[in-house]
């Protein structure tokens, strides 16, 4: 994959920032497990990808630092404020989704 030009990078960065804003400010109620069930990724995945991109550019970043970028606050704080215990239905749907995504 070739590196995008500057303008494309700026547009992609703006779209990414908008996604983070949407998840943080407009839809903090959407649980990570529901994102995983429906989209195959969650906020933690975004944090992992963010950290990988930083490391690709020679920037060392911890898992917690990357999560703070994505969650807009320390992960433990976000978890205490927004994360609910998964229901049995969510767990079953997650397990089924994991099987589908693995294929």
C-alpha atoms as a PDB file:
ATOM      1  CA  UNK A   1       0.000   0.000   0.000  1.00  0.00           C
ATOM      2  CA  UNK A   2       1.446   3.357  -0.978  1.00  0.00           C
ATOM      3  CA  UNK A   3       1.584   6.299   1.393  1.00  0.00           C
ATOM      4  CA  UNK A   4      -1.297   8.726   0.806  1.00  0.00           C
ATOM      5  CA  UNK A   5      -0.608  12.292  -0.226  1.00  0.00           C
ATOM      6  CA  UNK A   6      -0.773  15.118   2.331  1.00  0.00           C
ATOM      7  CA  UNK A   7      -4.342  16.148   1.498  1.00  0.00           C
ATOM      8  CA  UNK A   8      -5.626  12.581   1.748  1.00  0.00           C
ATOM      9  CA  UNK A   9      -3.854  12.181   5.090  1.00  0.00           C
ATOM     10  CA  UNK A  10      -5.488  15.367   6.387  1.00  0.00           C
ATOM     11  CA  UNK A  11      -8.939  14.208   5.296  1.00  0.00           C
ATOM     12  CA  UNK A  12      -8.438  10.768   6.846  1.00  0.00           C
ATOM     13  CA  UNK A  13      -7.193  12.348  10.081  1.00  0.00           C
ATOM     14  CA  UNK A  14     -10.246  14.617  10.239  1.00  0.00           C
ATOM     15  CA  UNK A  15     -12.575  11.649   9.689  1.00  0.00           C
ATOM     16  CA  UNK A  16     -10.762   9.696  12.420  1.00  0.00           C
ATOM     17  CA  UNK A  17     -11.049  12.619  14.862  1.00  0.00           C
ATOM     18  CA  UNK A  18     -14.769  12.828  14.052  1.00  0.00           C
ATOM     19  CA  UNK A  19     -15.180   9.113  14.751  1.00  0.00           C
ATOM     20  CA  UNK A  20     -13.487   9.530  18.131  1.00  0.00           C
ATOM     21  CA  UNK A  21     -15.643  12.559  18.944  1.00  0.00           C
ATOM     22  CA  UNK A  22     -18.771  10.624  17.988  1.00  0.00           C
ATOM     23  CA  UNK A  23     -17.855   7.654  20.183  1.00  0.00           C
ATOM     24  CA  UNK A  24     -16.810   9.825  23.127  1.00  0.00           C
ATOM     25  CA  UNK A  25     -19.368  12.616  23.127  1.00  0.00           C
ATOM     26  CA  UNK A  26     -22.380  11.388  21.215  1.00  0.00           C
ATOM     27  CA  UNK A  27     -22.385   7.622  21.794  1.00  0.00           C
ATOM     28  CA  UNK A  28     -20.447   6.681  24.930  1.00  0.00           C
ATOM     29  CA  UNK A  29     -23.421   4.413  25.674  1.00  0.00           C
ATOM     30  CA  UNK A  30     -22.453   2.070  22.835  1.00  0.00           C
ATOM     31  CA  UNK A  31     -20.615  -0.755  24.522  1.00  0.00           C
ATOM     32  CA  UNK A  32     -17.387  -2.211  23.161  1.00  0.00           C
ATOM     33  CA  UNK A  33     -18.959  -5.657  23.065  1.00  0.00           C
ATOM     34  CA  UNK A  34     -21.728  -4.315  20.800  1.00  0.00           C
ATOM     35  CA  UNK A  35     -19.139  -2.746  18.500  1.00  0.00           C
ATOM     36  CA  UNK A  36     -17.341  -6.098  18.354  1.00  0.00           C
ATOM     37  CA  UNK A  37     -20.574  -7.955  17.610  1.00  0.00           C
ATOM     38  CA  UNK A  38     -21.665  -5.600  14.849  1.00  0.00           C
ATOM     39  CA  UNK A  39     -18.427  -4.250  13.387  1.00  0.00           C
ATOM     40  CA  UNK A  40     -15.710  -6.686  14.401  1.00  0.00           C
ATOM     41  CA  UNK A  41     -13.707  -3.989  16.198  1.00  0.00           C
ATOM     42  CA  UNK A  42     -14.041  -1.783  19.273  1.00  0.00           C
ATOM     43  CA  UNK A  43     -12.388   1.174  20.963  1.00  0.00           C
ATOM     44  CA  UNK A  44      -9.595  -1.085  22.229  1.00  0.00           C
ATOM     45  CA  UNK A  45      -8.912  -2.197  18.655  1.00  0.00           C
ATOM     46  CA  UNK A  46      -8.717   1.463  17.596  1.00  0.00           C
ATOM     47  CA  UNK A  47      -6.222   2.069  20.411  1.00  0.00           C
ATOM     48  CA  UNK A  48      -4.132  -0.912  19.285  1.00  0.00           C
ATOM     49  CA  UNK A  49      -4.132   0.351  15.685  1.00  0.00           C
ATOM     50  CA  UNK A  50      -3.243   3.858  16.870  1.00  0.00           C
ATOM     51  CA  UNK A  51      -0.292   2.509  18.866  1.00  0.00           C
ATOM     52  CA  UNK A  52       0.854   0.378  15.918  1.00  0.00           C
ATOM     53  CA  UNK A  53       0.749   3.436  13.639  1.00  0.00           C
ATOM     54  CA  UNK A  54       2.761   5.449  16.164  1.00  0.00           C
ATOM     55  CA  UNK A  55       5.350   2.687  16.486  1.00  0.00           C
ATOM     56  CA  UNK A  56       5.543   2.431  12.691  1.00  0.00           C
ATOM     57  CA  UNK A  57       6.681   6.051  12.793  1.00  0.00           C
ATOM     58  CA  UNK A  58       9.196   5.442  15.580  1.00  0.00           C
ATOM     59  CA  UNK A  59       7.017   6.798  18.396  1.00  0.00           C
ATOM     60  CA  UNK A  60       6.940   4.624  21.500  1.00  0.00           C
ATOM     61  CA  UNK A  61       3.529   4.490  23.118  1.00  0.00           C
ATOM     62  CA  UNK A  62       2.098   2.283  25.824  1.00  0.00           C
ATOM     63  CA  UNK A  63      -1.234   0.513  25.574  1.00  0.00           C
ATOM     64  CA  UNK A  64      -2.621   2.827  28.272  1.00  0.00           C
ATOM     65  CA  UNK A  65      -1.413   5.950  26.456  1.00  0.00           C
ATOM     66  CA  UNK A  66      -3.063   4.824  23.235  1.00  0.00           C
ATOM     67  CA  UNK A  67      -6.294   3.991  25.034  1.00  0.00           C
ATOM     68  CA  UNK A  68      -6.344   7.443  26.617  1.00  0.00           C
ATOM     69  CA  UNK A  69      -6.155   8.988  23.143  1.00  0.00           C
ATOM     70  CA  UNK A  70      -9.102   6.896  21.954  1.00  0.00           C
ATOM     71  CA  UNK A  71     -11.231   7.097  25.099  1.00  0.00           C
ATOM     72  CA  UNK A  72     -10.452  10.763  25.784  1.00  0.00           C
ATOM     73  CA  UNK A  73      -9.608   9.888  29.389  1.00  0.00           C
ATOM     74  CA  UNK A  74      -7.817   7.109  31.262  1.00  0.00           C
ATOM     75  CA  UNK A  75      -9.394   3.770  30.355  1.00  0.00           C
ATOM     76  CA  UNK A  76     -10.243   2.964  33.993  1.00  0.00           C
ATOM     77  CA  UNK A  77     -12.179   6.229  34.271  1.00  0.00           C
ATOM     78  CA  UNK A  78     -14.105   5.589  31.033  1.00  0.00           C
ATOM     79  CA  UNK A  79     -14.840   2.037  32.135  1.00  0.00           C
ATOM     80  CA  UNK A  80     -16.185   3.204  35.513  1.00  0.00           C
ATOM     81  CA  UNK A  81     -18.384   5.855  33.884  1.00  0.00           C
ATOM     82  CA  UNK A  82     -19.680   4.006  30.832  1.00  0.00           C
ATOM     83  CA  UNK A  83     -19.058   0.254  30.744  1.00  0.00           C
ATOM     84  CA  UNK A  84     -21.823  -2.061  31.837  1.00  0.00           C
ATOM     85  CA  UNK A  85     -21.631  -5.766  32.578  1.00  0.00           C
ATOM     86  CA  UNK A  86     -22.298  -7.768  29.423  1.00  0.00           C
ATOM     87  CA  UNK A  87     -25.628  -9.544  29.355  1.00  0.00           C
ATOM     88  CA  UNK A  88     -25.804 -13.270  28.600  1.00  0.00           C
ATOM     89  CA  UNK A  89     -27.341 -12.327  25.232  1.00  0.00           C
ATOM     90  CA  UNK A  90     -24.417 -10.025  24.431  1.00  0.00           C
ATOM     91  CA  UNK A  91     -21.905 -12.712  25.376  1.00  0.00           C
ATOM     92  CA  UNK A  92     -23.670 -15.260  23.144  1.00  0.00           C
ATOM     93  CA  UNK A  93     -23.841 -12.774  20.253  1.00  0.00           C
ATOM     94  CA  UNK A  94     -20.166 -11.900  20.757  1.00  0.00           C
ATOM     95  CA  UNK A  95     -19.139 -15.560  20.636  1.00  0.00           C
ATOM     96  CA  UNK A  96     -21.177 -16.086  17.454  1.00  0.00           C
ATOM     97  CA  UNK A  97     -19.663 -12.950  15.900  1.00  0.00           C
ATOM     98  CA  UNK A  98     -16.150 -14.123  16.773  1.00  0.00           C
ATOM     99  CA  UNK A  99     -16.813 -17.349  14.887  1.00  0.00           C
ATOM    100  CA  UNK A 100     -18.172 -15.403  11.879  1.00  0.00           C
ATOM    101  CA  UNK A 101     -15.272 -12.920  11.854  1.00  0.00           C
ATOM    102  CA  UNK A 102     -12.718 -15.741  12.107  1.00  0.00           C
ATOM    103  CA  UNK A 103     -13.896 -17.324   8.840  1.00  0.00           C
END
